[in-house]
Amino acid sequence: MKALILAAGLGTRLLPYTERLPKPLFPIDGRPILDITIHRLIDARIDGIVVNTFHLQQQVTDFIKSRNYPVPVVTRNEKTILGTGGAIKNVADFLGNQPFLVINSDILTDIDFQAVMAFHQTHPHPSTMVMHDYPEFNSVWVDNKGFVTRFAGSGNPTVTDSSNSLVCRAFTGIHVLDPSIMDWIPENRFVSIIDVYRSMLQSGLKIMAYSVSGHRWRDMGTPESFFEAAYEATGPMAFSKAFGPAPHMPLTRTRLSGDGSDRRWFRIHSKDQSIIMADHGIRLEVPDQPAEADAFIHIGQHLYHQGIPVPKIYFSDPFSGLVYVEDLGDTHLQSVIQDETDTRKIIGLYQQVIDQLIRMSVDGGRSFDPRWTWQTPAYDKHLILERECRYFMDALLNGYLGIEISFDDLADAFSLIADQALTHAVTGFMHRDFQSRNIMVSGEKIYFIDFQGGRMGPLQYDLASLLTDPYVNLTPEVQNDLLAYGIARLSQRMTVDREQFESSYNGCAIARTLQSLGAFGHLTRVKRKLFFEPYIPIALHNLGRRLMKNQESRFQPLADAVNKALIVLNSKGKVL
């Protein structure tokens, strides 16, 4: 028996991901869905396979040509998309005069194809449709004798035998057909096979339903269904990587609260064992540009092998964006500090963090490959001006607060900030979001998370991110003590000019606060994540104090803008 795999669709439900990669080539754990389906058909003793193509057809053809399958596998390109019925008619010469199997290219299933083919041989009717109970897609009525009686939508035949109780089932996208079906399909036209089946039923022909249950079946046509398919395939493998191949109870997935990014986080657990799954979303194919998941994987593995306290990555599926990591619990540094009243203990904990921060910057910078980064390879002046200063202007001042201030009015101050941050930078690996909510406390140890935005840059930037963090809002006195501690500890590894270090630190602290305020404004106004709104006045007050302490007159326009922002906040009732 031969088979047709329907792979010509545009993949519109998966846009924009299908703009550059056709849906049949979407991989699960590195294997394209099309390849998985072809091998399953070969295992079921299918002796020839044709794949119809249209959207990005050359990619599908090139992929099949690159394989060495043990049976003939060919493609048939459609000049205009023909629909499921038209596609069948278009490959009639390949399918020949024997029954053949047709399957959609966007499903993953373990349905027994051989059993389906064997069932079709037991009856004289021209088609066997594989059906199952799937409430989301139930749209085909089947009577108690196993015959399809009607389909959802217009043009259905009338059911005349009221004694036959009906059940509504979903078509799996798998069917076996006799070659006589070709007589019902016009040539070179778009035709739906369901419309063909409706016509056949109207004429009195019978279509058999082969009902299955207890199987795996997953439609891959939407981002969410692709996520579920990827998780079903990779979750158990990740759990075994973490805890060994011993049998586990069924895995339970719990959604965790996220933070500022659009990633989703889940805890995967069985009994008393658990791992964390980060869902970065399906890879959007952009030539020569890594995705966020790539950066998370490469940077995380690099830091882990350098001995930096980051969670171990157990397993990853870069295309689906699923990354499985060590479960470090739910305790952030922020919550520990907020619950601690002893200043000495707070300082002691921050000193531990600073020790590890210096290791991350120095050791993590060794053999760091800039190609791992997904934003920019290094922290430079352009980044400061566009993604921190302009972000502050657009997202906070103009967007969130509605203050009309031109970037040009502050351009001189912004340029000075960038120069100050970079002139005496101690360059190493830079986390770039090194704040208390990205530092986990597990037992007596600390760990760093959310490192996917890392790149080469000033150690001073991460230190400033830590000490000026509005989530914790350390007092200026504690900040100064910890800054002195960091300089002293770094001086044990390299020669440090304190005055130069502090000059860069000050520029980094201002730039970091501008970036944070831009993020808070964007997340509050656009993303409607109101958790971040209370930190806006804290960060603005801290920025204003730092600008006042600095004697540089070129900062004055920025200081004036900050004062104006505080006045607007006060008028809105959003004050400290």
Protein backbone atom coordinates (compact mmCIF):
# COMPACT_ATOMS: atom_id res chain seq x y z
CA MET A 1 0.00 0.00 0.00
CA LYS A 2 1.15 3.52 -0.81
CA ALA A 3 0.55 6.71 1.15
CA LEU A 4 0.03 10.42 0.56
CA ILE A 5 1.21 12.94 3.14
CA LEU A 6 -0.65 16.24 2.84
CA ALA A 7 1.99 18.93 3.28
CA ALA A 8 1.00 21.76 0.95
CA GLY A 9 -0.78 23.98 3.47
CA LEU A 10 0.20 27.59 4.15
CA GLY A 11 0.37 27.09 7.91
CA THR A 12 -1.58 30.29 8.52
CA ARG A 13 -2.46 29.37 12.11
CA LEU A 14 1.26 29.20 12.84
CA LEU A 15 2.20 32.58 11.40
CA PRO A 16 4.66 34.24 11.65
CA TYR A 17 6.69 31.08 12.35
CA THR A 18 5.78 29.53 8.99
CA GLU A 19 6.94 32.52 6.93
CA ARG A 20 10.41 31.01 6.51
CA LEU A 21 9.94 27.37 7.53
CA PRO A 22 7.08 25.15 6.28
CA LYS A 23 5.06 23.51 9.00
CA PRO A 24 5.97 19.91 8.00
CA LEU A 25 9.62 20.71 8.76
CA PHE A 26 8.95 21.98 12.27
CA PRO A 27 11.14 19.73 14.43
CA ILE A 28 10.35 18.00 17.70
CA ASP A 29 13.55 17.20 19.58
CA GLY A 30 15.48 17.89 16.41
CA ARG A 31 13.38 15.70 14.08
CA PRO A 32 10.99 17.31 11.57
CA ILE A 33 7.39 16.22 11.93
CA LEU A 34 7.47 15.08 8.30
CA ASP A 35 10.40 12.76 8.96
CA ILE A 36 8.67 11.27 12.00
CA THR A 37 5.55 10.57 9.93
CA ILE A 38 7.51 9.06 7.03
CA HIS A 39 9.32 6.64 9.34
CA ARG A 40 6.06 5.62 11.02
CA LEU A 41 4.55 4.84 7.62
CA ILE A 42 7.60 2.84 6.60
CA ASP A 43 7.41 0.91 9.88
CA ALA A 44 3.77 0.12 8.97
CA ARG A 45 5.02 -1.44 5.69
CA ILE A 46 3.95 1.35 3.38
CA ASP A 47 5.98 0.75 0.20
CA GLY A 48 5.82 4.17 -1.46
CA ILE A 49 5.11 7.71 -0.22
CA VAL A 50 4.23 10.90 -2.06
CA VAL A 51 4.23 14.28 -0.36
CA ASN A 52 2.25 17.10 -1.92
CA THR A 53 3.87 20.53 -1.63
CA PHE A 54 3.05 24.17 -2.26
CA HIS A 55 4.16 26.61 0.46
CA LEU A 56 7.98 26.80 0.55
CA GLN A 57 7.92 23.61 -1.49
CA GLN A 58 11.63 23.64 -2.33
CA GLN A 59 12.55 23.26 1.34
CA VAL A 60 10.35 20.17 1.64
CA THR A 61 11.73 18.71 -1.59
CA ASP A 62 15.33 19.38 -0.60
CA PHE A 63 14.77 17.80 2.79
CA ILE A 64 13.37 14.59 1.31
CA LYS A 65 16.16 14.42 -1.26
CA SER A 66 18.69 14.69 1.55
CA ARG A 67 17.34 11.51 3.18
CA ASN A 68 17.99 7.93 2.27
CA TYR A 69 14.65 6.28 2.97
CA PRO A 70 14.32 2.53 2.28
CA VAL A 71 11.19 3.05 0.15
CA PRO A 72 10.50 5.61 -2.62
CA VAL A 73 9.53 8.99 -1.15
CA VAL A 74 8.77 11.71 -3.72
CA THR A 75 7.20 15.14 -3.78
CA ARG A 76 4.51 16.51 -6.08
CA ASN A 77 4.35 20.29 -6.23
CA GLU A 78 1.00 22.02 -6.78
CA LYS A 79 1.07 25.16 -8.92
CA THR A 80 -2.01 26.36 -7.07
CA ILE A 81 -3.13 24.83 -3.81
CA LEU A 82 -5.63 22.07 -4.53
CA GLY A 83 -7.09 21.16 -1.14
CA THR A 84 -7.18 17.65 0.28
CA GLY A 85 -9.36 16.20 -2.46
CA GLY A 86 -7.53 17.94 -5.27
CA ALA A 87 -4.21 16.77 -3.86
CA ILE A 88 -5.37 13.15 -3.95
CA LYS A 89 -6.48 13.48 -7.59
CA ASN A 90 -3.17 15.14 -8.48
CA VAL A 91 -1.13 12.10 -7.39
CA ALA A 92 -3.46 9.40 -8.75
CA ASP A 93 -0.75 8.11 -11.08
CA PHE A 94 1.61 7.49 -8.15
CA LEU A 95 -1.01 5.86 -5.92
CA GLY A 96 -2.03 3.36 -8.62
CA ASN A 97 -4.97 0.95 -8.55
CA GLN A 98 -4.71 -0.27 -4.96
CA PRO A 99 -6.11 1.20 -1.72
CA PHE A 100 -3.90 3.92 -0.26
CA LEU A 101 -3.50 5.78 3.01
CA VAL A 102 -3.75 9.57 3.36
CA ILE A 103 -2.48 11.45 6.42
CA ASN A 104 -2.11 15.10 7.36
CA SER A 105 1.46 16.27 7.85
CA ASP A 106 0.72 18.28 11.00
CA ILE A 107 -0.21 15.51 13.42
CA LEU A 108 1.83 13.38 15.79
CA THR A 109 0.22 10.09 16.72
CA ASP A 110 0.86 6.49 17.66
CA ILE A 111 -2.32 5.19 15.99
CA ASP A 112 -1.64 1.76 14.49
CA PHE A 113 -1.57 2.32 10.73
CA GLN A 114 -1.39 -1.40 9.99
CA ALA A 115 -4.56 -2.00 11.99
CA VAL A 116 -6.32 0.76 10.06
CA MET A 117 -5.23 -0.71 6.72
CA ALA A 118 -6.24 -4.20 7.78
CA PHE A 119 -9.70 -2.95 8.83
CA HIS A 120 -10.21 -1.30 5.45
CA GLN A 121 -9.67 -4.66 3.76
CA THR A 122 -12.59 -6.15 5.73
CA HIS A 123 -15.36 -4.11 4.08
CA PRO A 124 -16.34 -3.16 0.51
CA HIS A 125 -16.79 0.58 1.04
CA PRO A 126 -14.55 3.16 -0.68
CA SER A 127 -13.22 4.94 2.40
CA THR A 128 -12.28 4.32 6.02
CA MET A 129 -11.97 7.42 8.17
CA VAL A 130 -10.06 7.08 11.44
CA MET A 131 -12.15 8.74 14.14
CA HIS A 132 -11.75 9.47 17.83
CA ASP A 133 -13.44 11.41 20.60
CA TYR A 134 -11.70 14.80 20.74
CA PRO A 135 -14.22 17.40 21.94
CA GLU A 136 -12.30 20.35 20.46
CA PHE A 137 -12.67 18.89 16.94
CA ASN A 138 -15.74 16.61 17.17
CA SER A 139 -17.74 17.36 14.01
CA VAL A 140 -18.53 14.04 12.30
CA TRP A 141 -21.56 11.93 13.17
CA VAL A 142 -21.18 8.15 13.24
CA ASP A 143 -24.01 5.66 13.72
CA ASN A 144 -23.97 2.54 15.89
CA LYS A 145 -23.03 0.39 12.88
CA GLY A 146 -19.84 2.35 12.34
CA PHE A 147 -20.98 4.34 9.30
CA VAL A 148 -20.31 8.04 8.87
CA THR A 149 -23.68 9.75 8.42
CA ARG A 150 -22.96 13.49 8.22
CA PHE A 151 -20.44 16.26 8.75
CA ALA A 152 -20.76 19.56 10.51
CA GLY A 153 -21.61 22.46 8.20
CA SER A 154 -23.83 22.84 5.19
CA GLY A 155 -24.53 20.30 2.50
CA ASN A 156 -25.04 17.32 4.84
CA PRO A 157 -27.18 14.34 3.82
CA THR A 158 -30.38 13.75 5.72
CA VAL A 159 -30.26 10.98 8.31
CA THR A 160 -33.27 8.79 7.49
CA ASP A 161 -32.76 5.92 9.95
CA SER A 162 -33.74 7.47 13.29
CA SER A 163 -33.26 4.13 15.07
CA ASN A 164 -29.50 4.45 14.65
CA SER A 165 -28.18 6.42 17.60
CA LEU A 166 -25.41 8.80 16.58
CA VAL A 167 -22.21 9.90 18.24
CA CYS A 168 -20.15 12.91 17.26
CA ARG A 169 -16.48 12.22 16.70
CA ALA A 170 -13.38 13.97 15.35
CA PHE A 171 -11.59 13.03 12.17
CA THR A 172 -7.93 12.30 12.93
CA GLY A 173 -6.69 13.31 9.48
CA ILE A 174 -5.94 9.65 8.68
CA HIS A 175 -7.98 7.67 6.16
CA VAL A 176 -7.64 4.79 3.74
CA LEU A 177 -9.30 5.10 0.34
CA ASP A 178 -9.97 2.93 -2.66
CA PRO A 179 -8.82 4.22 -6.07
CA SER A 180 -12.49 4.55 -7.06
CA ILE A 181 -12.50 7.78 -5.07
CA MET A 182 -10.81 9.42 -8.05
CA ASP A 183 -14.08 9.27 -9.99
CA TRP A 184 -15.58 11.72 -7.50
CA ILE A 185 -12.81 14.32 -7.69
CA PRO A 186 -12.54 16.78 -10.60
CA GLU A 187 -9.09 17.49 -12.00
CA ASN A 188 -7.03 20.62 -11.46
CA ARG A 189 -9.44 22.21 -9.00
CA PHE A 190 -9.43 23.05 -5.30
CA VAL A 191 -11.52 20.33 -3.72
CA SER A 192 -12.07 19.42 -0.08
CA ILE A 193 -12.20 15.71 0.57
CA ILE A 194 -15.00 16.32 3.06
CA ASP A 195 -17.09 17.84 0.28
CA VAL A 196 -16.33 14.74 -1.77
CA TYR A 197 -17.48 12.55 1.11
CA ARG A 198 -20.70 14.58 1.41
CA SER A 199 -21.45 13.97 -2.27
CA MET A 200 -20.76 10.27 -1.87
CA LEU A 201 -23.13 10.01 1.08
CA GLN A 202 -25.82 11.88 -0.86
CA SER A 203 -25.52 9.31 -3.64
CA GLY A 204 -25.98 6.43 -1.20
CA LEU A 205 -22.38 5.25 -0.88
CA LYS A 206 -21.10 4.25 2.56
CA ILE A 207 -18.07 5.60 4.41
CA MET A 208 -16.77 3.54 7.30
CA ALA A 209 -15.47 4.97 10.56
CA TYR A 210 -12.61 3.24 12.34
CA SER A 211 -12.81 4.48 15.93
CA VAL A 212 -9.73 4.49 18.14
CA SER A 213 -9.11 5.26 21.80
CA GLY A 214 -6.25 5.07 24.30
CA HIS A 215 -3.83 6.49 21.75
CA ARG A 216 -1.65 9.58 21.42
CA TRP A 217 -2.73 12.19 18.90
CA ARG A 218 -1.74 15.80 18.67
CA ASP A 219 -2.62 18.36 16.03
CA MET A 220 0.32 20.72 15.44
CA GLY A 221 -1.51 23.51 13.68
CA THR A 222 -1.31 26.27 16.33
CA PRO A 223 1.48 27.56 18.57
CA GLU A 224 -0.24 26.17 21.64
CA SER A 225 -0.81 22.72 20.13
CA PHE A 226 2.79 22.63 18.94
CA PHE A 227 3.89 23.53 22.48
CA GLU A 228 1.83 20.64 23.87
CA ALA A 229 3.28 18.21 21.34
CA ALA A 230 6.82 19.35 22.10
CA TYR A 231 6.22 19.06 25.84
CA GLU A 232 4.69 15.58 25.54
CA ALA A 233 7.75 14.43 23.58
CA THR A 234 10.49 16.14 25.62
CA GLY A 235 9.14 16.42 29.17
CA PRO A 236 9.59 12.73 30.07
CA MET A 237 13.06 12.70 28.45
CA ALA A 238 14.09 15.75 30.49
CA PHE A 239 12.81 14.17 33.70
CA SER A 240 14.82 11.02 33.01
CA LYS A 241 17.93 13.12 32.30
CA ALA A 242 17.48 14.76 35.69
CA PHE A 243 16.62 11.74 37.83
CA GLY A 244 17.62 8.67 35.84
CA PRO A 245 15.60 6.17 33.84
CA ALA A 246 13.75 4.75 36.87
CA PRO A 247 9.97 4.67 36.34
CA HIS A 248 8.19 7.84 37.38
CA MET A 249 4.58 8.56 38.14
CA PRO A 250 2.75 10.57 35.45
CA LEU A 251 4.22 14.05 35.29
CA THR A 252 2.24 17.01 36.56
CA ARG A 253 2.73 20.47 35.10
CA THR A 254 2.11 23.60 37.16
CA ARG A 255 2.26 27.13 35.70
CA LEU A 256 4.48 29.49 37.70
CA SER A 257 4.09 33.23 37.90
CA GLY A 258 6.34 35.00 35.44
CA ASP A 259 8.13 38.32 35.64
CA GLY A 260 8.83 40.92 32.99
CA SER A 261 9.51 38.71 29.96
CA ASP A 262 7.00 36.92 27.74
CA ARG A 263 8.46 33.52 28.58
CA ARG A 264 6.32 31.02 30.47
CA TRP A 265 7.59 28.99 33.39
CA PHE A 266 6.34 25.63 34.64
CA ARG A 267 7.24 23.22 37.41
CA ILE A 268 7.24 19.62 36.20
CA HIS A 269 6.97 17.20 39.08
CA SER A 270 6.34 13.60 40.03
CA LYS A 271 6.03 12.70 43.70
CA ASP A 272 8.82 14.63 45.48
CA GLN A 273 10.98 15.25 42.39
CA SER A 274 10.69 18.30 40.17
CA ILE A 275 12.37 20.30 37.43
CA ILE A 276 11.59 23.68 35.90
CA MET A 277 10.59 24.16 32.26
CA ALA A 278 11.14 27.51 30.58
CA ASP A 279 9.02 28.06 27.48
CA HIS A 280 10.68 30.63 25.22
CA GLY A 281 8.18 30.08 22.41
CA ILE A 282 8.66 28.67 18.92
CA ARG A 283 11.82 29.82 17.20
CA LEU A 284 11.20 32.60 14.72
CA GLU A 285 13.65 31.75 11.97
CA VAL A 286 15.84 34.78 11.23
CA PRO A 287 18.98 34.15 9.16
CA ASP A 288 22.24 34.27 11.13
CA GLN A 289 20.51 35.40 14.32
CA PRO A 290 20.33 33.22 17.45
CA ALA A 291 17.03 32.99 19.28
CA GLU A 292 16.52 33.77 22.96
CA ALA A 293 16.39 30.06 23.78
CA ASP A 294 19.76 29.55 22.06
CA ALA A 295 21.33 32.24 24.24
CA PHE A 296 19.77 30.75 27.36
CA ILE A 297 21.15 27.30 26.53
CA HIS A 298 24.66 28.29 25.40
CA ILE A 299 25.28 30.91 28.07
CA GLY A 300 23.77 28.74 30.80
CA GLN A 301 25.94 25.77 29.87
CA HIS A 302 29.03 27.98 29.62
CA LEU A 303 28.52 29.56 33.04
CA TYR A 304 27.73 26.19 34.63
CA HIS A 305 30.94 24.64 33.29
CA GLN A 306 32.88 27.67 34.55
CA GLY A 307 31.64 26.90 38.05
CA ILE A 308 29.25 29.85 38.25
CA PRO A 309 26.18 29.18 40.42
CA VAL A 310 23.50 28.84 37.76
CA PRO A 311 20.88 26.07 37.44
CA LYS A 312 21.94 22.96 35.59
CA ILE A 313 20.31 22.55 32.18
CA TYR A 314 19.06 18.97 31.89
CA PHE A 315 17.55 19.01 28.42
CA SER A 316 16.55 21.46 25.72
CA ASP A 317 14.61 21.57 22.48
CA PRO A 318 15.76 24.82 20.87
CA PHE A 319 13.17 25.03 18.10
CA SER A 320 10.16 24.68 20.39
CA GLY A 321 11.96 26.92 22.90
CA LEU A 322 11.59 24.43 25.77
CA VAL A 323 14.48 24.30 28.22
CA TYR A 324 14.42 22.09 31.33
CA VAL A 325 16.55 23.18 34.28
CA GLU A 326 17.28 22.41 37.90
CA ASP A 327 14.50 23.39 40.31
CA LEU A 328 15.92 25.96 42.77
CA GLY A 329 12.69 26.55 44.63
CA ASP A 330 10.73 29.80 44.84
CA THR A 331 12.81 32.01 47.12
CA HIS A 332 14.29 35.15 45.56
CA LEU A 333 16.88 37.34 47.20
CA GLN A 334 14.23 40.06 47.28
CA SER A 335 11.96 38.10 49.60
CA VAL A 336 14.86 37.09 51.86
CA ILE A 337 15.99 40.70 52.27
CA GLN A 338 12.47 41.98 52.85
CA ASP A 339 12.01 39.44 55.66
CA GLU A 340 15.40 40.12 57.27
CA THR A 341 15.75 42.90 59.88
CA ASP A 342 19.41 42.36 60.81
CA THR A 343 21.52 44.69 58.65
CA ARG A 344 24.62 42.62 59.31
CA LYS A 345 22.97 39.53 57.86
CA ILE A 346 21.78 41.51 54.84
CA ILE A 347 25.29 42.79 54.20
CA GLY A 348 26.73 39.29 54.68
CA LEU A 349 24.34 37.84 52.11
CA TYR A 350 25.12 40.60 49.62
CA GLN A 351 28.81 40.00 50.12
CA GLN A 352 28.29 36.36 49.09
CA VAL A 353 26.46 37.56 45.99
CA ILE A 354 29.23 40.04 45.14
CA ASP A 355 31.88 37.33 45.50
CA GLN A 356 30.01 35.18 42.98
CA LEU A 357 29.34 38.19 40.74
CA ILE A 358 33.07 38.83 40.44
CA ARG A 359 33.62 35.17 39.57
CA MET A 360 30.87 35.34 36.97
CA SER A 361 32.37 38.45 35.37
CA VAL A 362 35.99 37.29 35.35
CA ASP A 363 35.67 33.53 34.90
CA GLY A 364 32.50 33.75 32.83
CA GLY A 365 34.25 36.16 30.47
CA ARG A 366 36.93 33.59 29.68
CA SER A 367 36.26 31.80 26.38
CA PHE A 368 32.87 33.50 26.12
CA ASP A 369 31.67 33.36 22.52
CA PRO A 370 29.82 36.52 21.41
CA ARG A 371 27.94 34.43 18.85
CA TRP A 372 25.89 33.02 21.72
CA THR A 373 24.20 36.35 22.36
CA TRP A 374 20.76 37.08 20.93
CA GLN A 375 20.62 40.84 21.38
CA THR A 376 24.05 42.42 20.97
CA PRO A 377 27.48 40.80 21.44
CA ALA A 378 28.71 43.53 23.78
CA TYR A 379 27.53 46.44 25.91
CA ASP A 380 28.47 49.55 23.94
CA LYS A 381 27.54 53.20 23.48
CA HIS A 382 24.90 52.54 20.85
CA LEU A 383 23.14 50.10 23.18
CA ILE A 384 23.22 52.59 26.05
CA LEU A 385 21.80 55.40 23.94
CA GLU A 386 19.10 53.37 22.16
CA ARG A 387 18.07 50.62 24.56
CA GLU A 388 18.50 52.42 27.84
CA CYS A 389 18.34 56.22 27.33
CA ARG A 390 15.82 56.25 24.46
CA TYR A 391 13.87 53.43 26.12
CA PHE A 392 13.56 55.63 29.24
CA MET A 393 12.38 58.53 27.07
CA ASP A 394 9.88 56.58 24.95
CA ALA A 395 8.48 54.09 27.45
CA LEU A 396 8.48 56.11 30.68
CA LEU A 397 8.57 59.87 30.07
CA ASN A 398 6.55 60.03 26.86
CA GLY A 399 4.65 56.76 27.09
CA TYR A 400 3.73 56.11 30.71
CA LEU A 401 3.82 59.71 32.02
CA GLY A 402 2.84 61.57 28.87
CA ILE A 403 5.66 64.10 29.19
CA GLU A 404 6.69 65.51 25.83
CA ILE A 405 10.49 65.80 26.02
CA SER A 406 12.68 65.44 22.95
CA PHE A 407 15.55 62.98 22.93
CA ASP A 408 17.68 65.76 21.47
CA ASP A 409 17.06 67.88 24.59
CA LEU A 410 18.81 65.22 26.68
CA ALA A 411 21.25 63.90 24.08
CA ASP A 412 24.29 65.59 25.66
CA ALA A 413 23.53 64.11 29.07
CA PHE A 414 22.89 60.69 27.60
CA SER A 415 26.18 60.75 25.68
CA LEU A 416 28.03 61.69 28.88
CA ILE A 417 26.39 58.80 30.76
CA ALA A 418 27.50 56.33 28.08
CA ASP A 419 31.07 57.66 28.03
CA GLN A 420 31.29 57.57 31.81
CA ALA A 421 29.99 53.99 31.97
CA LEU A 422 32.45 52.70 29.40
CA THR A 423 35.65 54.70 29.85
CA HIS A 424 37.03 52.78 32.82
CA ALA A 425 34.95 49.62 32.51
CA VAL A 426 36.30 46.35 33.93
CA THR A 427 35.13 44.17 31.07
CA GLY A 428 33.96 40.60 31.58
CA PHE A 429 30.77 38.62 31.27
CA MET A 430 27.82 40.91 32.02
CA HIS A 431 24.47 39.47 33.11
CA ARG A 432 22.66 42.77 32.35
CA ASP A 433 19.63 42.08 34.59
CA PHE A 434 21.44 41.33 37.81
CA GLN A 435 18.82 42.20 40.42
CA SER A 436 17.27 40.52 43.43
CA ARG A 437 14.47 38.77 41.56
CA ASN A 438 17.03 37.04 39.36
CA ILE A 439 19.02 35.73 42.32
CA MET A 440 17.66 32.60 43.97
CA VAL A 441 18.39 31.46 47.51
CA SER A 442 18.21 27.70 47.91
CA GLY A 443 19.30 26.35 51.26
CA GLU A 444 22.57 28.08 52.08
CA LYS A 445 23.46 28.73 48.46
CA ILE A 446 22.72 31.47 45.95
CA TYR A 447 22.10 30.99 42.25
CA PHE A 448 21.79 33.33 39.29
CA ILE A 449 18.99 32.96 36.76
CA ASP A 450 17.74 34.81 33.65
CA PHE A 451 21.20 35.11 32.13
CA GLN A 452 20.04 34.83 28.51
CA GLY A 453 20.59 38.58 27.96
CA GLY A 454 24.26 38.24 28.90
CA ARG A 455 27.13 39.62 26.83
CA MET A 456 30.56 41.13 27.35
CA GLY A 457 30.42 44.37 29.31
CA PRO A 458 31.35 46.24 32.49
CA LEU A 459 31.42 44.41 35.78
CA GLN A 460 30.36 47.78 37.19
CA TYR A 461 27.01 47.50 35.42
CA ASP A 462 26.00 44.28 37.16
CA LEU A 463 27.28 45.59 40.49
CA ALA A 464 25.23 48.76 40.03
CA SER A 465 22.17 46.67 39.03
CA LEU A 466 22.54 44.73 42.28
CA LEU A 467 23.11 47.64 44.63
CA THR A 468 20.64 50.16 43.14
CA ASP A 469 17.91 47.54 42.69
CA PRO A 470 14.53 49.26 43.39
CA TYR A 471 12.95 45.93 44.38
CA VAL A 472 15.06 46.01 47.55
CA ASN A 473 16.02 49.70 47.77
CA LEU A 474 19.14 49.41 49.90
CA THR A 475 20.08 52.56 51.81
CA PRO A 476 22.83 54.74 50.31
CA GLU A 477 25.05 53.86 53.27
CA VAL A 478 24.70 50.10 52.68
CA GLN A 479 25.24 50.61 48.94
CA ASN A 480 28.49 52.49 49.59
CA ASP A 481 29.74 49.84 52.01
CA LEU A 482 29.02 47.07 49.51
CA LEU A 483 30.59 49.01 46.66
CA ALA A 484 33.77 49.34 48.75
CA TYR A 485 33.60 45.60 49.49
CA GLY A 486 33.29 44.78 45.79
CA ILE A 487 36.31 46.94 44.89
CA ALA A 488 38.36 45.31 47.64
CA ARG A 489 37.43 41.79 46.54
CA LEU A 490 38.09 42.55 42.87
CA SER A 491 41.48 44.03 43.84
CA GLN A 492 42.50 40.58 45.02
CA ARG A 493 42.21 39.36 41.42
CA MET A 494 43.47 42.36 39.45
CA THR A 495 44.78 45.89 39.82
CA VAL A 496 41.90 48.30 40.38
CA ASP A 497 41.99 52.11 40.40
CA ARG A 498 39.21 52.93 42.85
CA GLU A 499 38.45 56.39 41.45
CA GLN A 500 38.23 55.13 37.90
CA PHE A 501 36.16 52.12 38.96
CA GLU A 502 33.69 54.35 40.79
CA SER A 503 33.43 56.74 37.84
CA SER A 504 32.37 53.89 35.56
CA TYR A 505 30.12 52.53 38.31
CA ASN A 506 28.30 55.86 38.54
CA GLY A 507 27.67 55.99 34.78
CA CYS A 508 26.49 52.36 34.83
CA ALA A 509 24.19 53.05 37.79
CA ILE A 510 22.49 55.89 35.92
CA ALA A 511 22.23 53.89 32.68
CA ARG A 512 20.84 50.89 34.54
CA THR A 513 18.22 52.99 36.31
CA LEU A 514 17.14 54.53 33.00
CA GLN A 515 16.76 51.03 31.55
CA SER A 516 14.76 49.84 34.58
CA LEU A 517 12.43 52.83 34.41
CA GLY A 518 11.85 52.25 30.71
CA ALA A 519 11.02 48.63 31.43
CA PHE A 520 8.69 49.52 34.31
CA GLY A 521 6.84 52.02 32.10
CA HIS A 522 6.51 49.58 29.21
CA LEU A 523 5.45 46.64 31.35
CA THR A 524 2.88 48.72 33.21
CA ARG A 525 1.34 50.61 30.29
CA VAL A 526 1.68 48.15 27.40
CA LYS A 527 1.87 44.72 29.00
CA ARG A 528 -0.49 45.65 31.85
CA LYS A 529 1.80 44.00 34.37
CA LEU A 530 0.90 46.28 37.26
CA PHE A 531 3.28 44.54 39.66
CA PHE A 532 6.05 46.82 38.36
CA GLU A 533 4.27 50.15 38.80
CA PRO A 534 5.08 50.73 42.50
CA TYR A 535 8.81 50.63 41.70
CA ILE A 536 8.65 53.59 39.32
CA PRO A 537 8.70 56.32 42.03
CA ILE A 538 11.44 54.45 43.94
CA ALA A 539 13.69 54.28 40.90
CA LEU A 540 12.95 57.90 39.93
CA HIS A 541 13.79 59.20 43.41
CA ASN A 542 17.03 57.21 43.41
CA LEU A 543 17.94 58.51 39.95
CA GLY A 544 17.26 62.08 41.04
CA ARG A 545 19.48 61.73 44.11
CA ARG A 546 22.33 60.28 42.07
CA LEU A 547 22.12 63.06 39.51
CA MET A 548 22.11 65.72 42.28
CA LYS A 549 25.25 64.23 43.84
CA ASN A 550 27.04 64.39 40.52
CA GLN A 551 28.58 67.82 39.94
CA GLU A 552 28.49 67.56 36.16
CA SER A 553 26.41 70.44 34.77
CA ARG A 554 25.64 68.51 31.58
CA PHE A 555 23.39 66.24 33.67
CA GLN A 556 21.11 69.15 34.59
CA PRO A 557 18.58 68.74 31.72
CA LEU A 558 18.14 65.09 32.72
CA ALA A 559 17.79 66.05 36.39
CA ASP A 560 15.11 68.56 35.39
CA ALA A 561 13.27 65.88 33.41
CA VAL A 562 13.37 63.55 36.43
CA ASN A 563 11.96 66.30 38.67
CA LYS A 564 9.17 66.91 36.17
CA ALA A 565 8.42 63.18 36.11
CA LEU A 566 8.17 63.13 39.92
CA ILE A 567 5.75 66.07 39.81
CA VAL A 568 3.56 64.21 37.29
CA LEU A 569 3.69 61.07 39.44
CA ASN A 570 2.69 63.10 42.48
CA SER A 571 -0.27 64.56 40.59
CA LYS A 572 -1.37 61.02 39.78
CA GLY A 573 -1.11 60.05 43.43
CA LYS A 574 1.72 57.62 42.70
CA VAL A 575 4.33 58.63 45.26
CA LEU A 576 6.61 56.90 47.73
